[in-house]
Amino acid sequence: MNKSLFVLMSISLIIFLINVYNIQWNKSLNSDENIIALIGIVASSCAFLLLLILKISIKISKEKKIKN
């Protein structure tokens, strides 16, 4: 499970970086290309945070099982 979480978190970071690279800073942030990149940044950030929460919750559940 940890390896798959690591792979998925890596993929979300790569997608985040690709979308940051795709933002055209000399244009308005409201242009069509930039809106698509911004949506991708928000989506990949949410995916990364959800995977991080899952990783932390798995770690907490393992610690509870050890104590019991």
Protein backbone atom coordinates (compact mmCIF):
# COMPACT_ATOMS: atom_id res chain seq x y z
CA MET A 1 0.00 0.00 0.00
CA ASN A 2 2.84 2.39 0.82
CA LYS A 3 4.45 1.92 -2.59
CA SER A 4 1.21 2.61 -4.42
CA LEU A 5 0.62 5.72 -2.30
CA PHE A 6 4.13 6.90 -3.09
CA VAL A 7 3.57 6.35 -6.81
CA LEU A 8 0.23 8.16 -6.79
CA MET A 9 1.65 11.07 -4.77
CA SER A 10 4.56 11.31 -7.21
CA ILE A 11 2.17 11.37 -10.16
CA SER A 12 0.13 14.15 -8.59
CA LEU A 13 3.30 16.20 -7.97
CA ILE A 14 4.42 15.68 -11.57
CA ILE A 15 1.02 16.80 -12.85
CA PHE A 16 1.22 19.82 -10.54
CA LEU A 17 4.62 20.80 -11.94
CA ILE A 18 3.48 20.29 -15.54
CA ASN A 19 0.51 22.60 -14.96
CA VAL A 20 2.69 25.24 -13.29
CA TYR A 21 4.96 25.06 -16.32
CA ASN A 22 1.95 25.49 -18.65
CA ILE A 23 0.83 28.78 -17.08
CA GLN A 24 1.62 31.67 -19.37
CA TRP A 25 2.68 34.37 -16.95
CA ASN A 26 2.70 37.16 -19.54
CA LYS A 27 -1.03 36.69 -20.23
CA SER A 28 -3.97 37.26 -17.93
CA LEU A 29 -4.81 34.46 -15.54
CA ASN A 30 -8.35 34.56 -16.96
CA SER A 31 -7.29 33.36 -20.41
CA ASP A 32 -8.50 29.93 -21.48
CA GLU A 33 -5.08 28.21 -21.36
CA ASN A 34 -4.32 29.56 -17.91
CA ILE A 35 -7.71 28.58 -16.49
CA ILE A 36 -7.15 24.99 -17.61
CA ALA A 37 -3.70 24.99 -16.00
CA LEU A 38 -5.07 26.50 -12.79
CA ILE A 39 -7.80 23.87 -12.61
CA GLY A 40 -5.12 21.20 -13.06
CA ILE A 41 -3.04 22.75 -10.27
CA VAL A 42 -6.00 22.78 -7.88
CA ALA A 43 -7.03 19.23 -8.80
CA SER A 44 -3.54 17.78 -8.40
CA SER A 45 -3.09 19.64 -5.11
CA CYS A 46 -6.36 18.19 -3.80
CA ALA A 47 -5.34 14.70 -4.92
CA PHE A 48 -1.97 15.05 -3.18
CA LEU A 49 -3.60 16.26 0.04
CA LEU A 50 -6.13 13.43 0.02
CA LEU A 51 -3.37 10.87 -0.48
CA LEU A 52 -1.37 12.46 2.32
CA ILE A 53 -4.37 12.25 4.65
CA LEU A 54 -4.80 8.58 3.68
CA LYS A 55 -1.13 7.88 4.41
CA ILE A 56 -1.37 9.55 7.83
CA SER A 57 -4.57 7.69 8.69
CA ILE A 58 -2.99 4.35 7.76
CA LYS A 59 -0.03 5.17 9.99
CA ILE A 60 -2.34 6.06 12.88
CA SER A 61 -4.36 2.85 12.49
CA LYS A 62 -1.16 0.78 12.51
CA GLU A 63 -0.04 2.48 15.73
CA LYS A 64 -3.42 1.77 17.36
CA LYS A 65 -3.21 -1.91 16.38
CA ILE A 66 0.26 -2.16 17.90
CA LYS A 67 -0.89 -0.63 21.20
CA ASN A 68 -3.89 -2.94 21.43
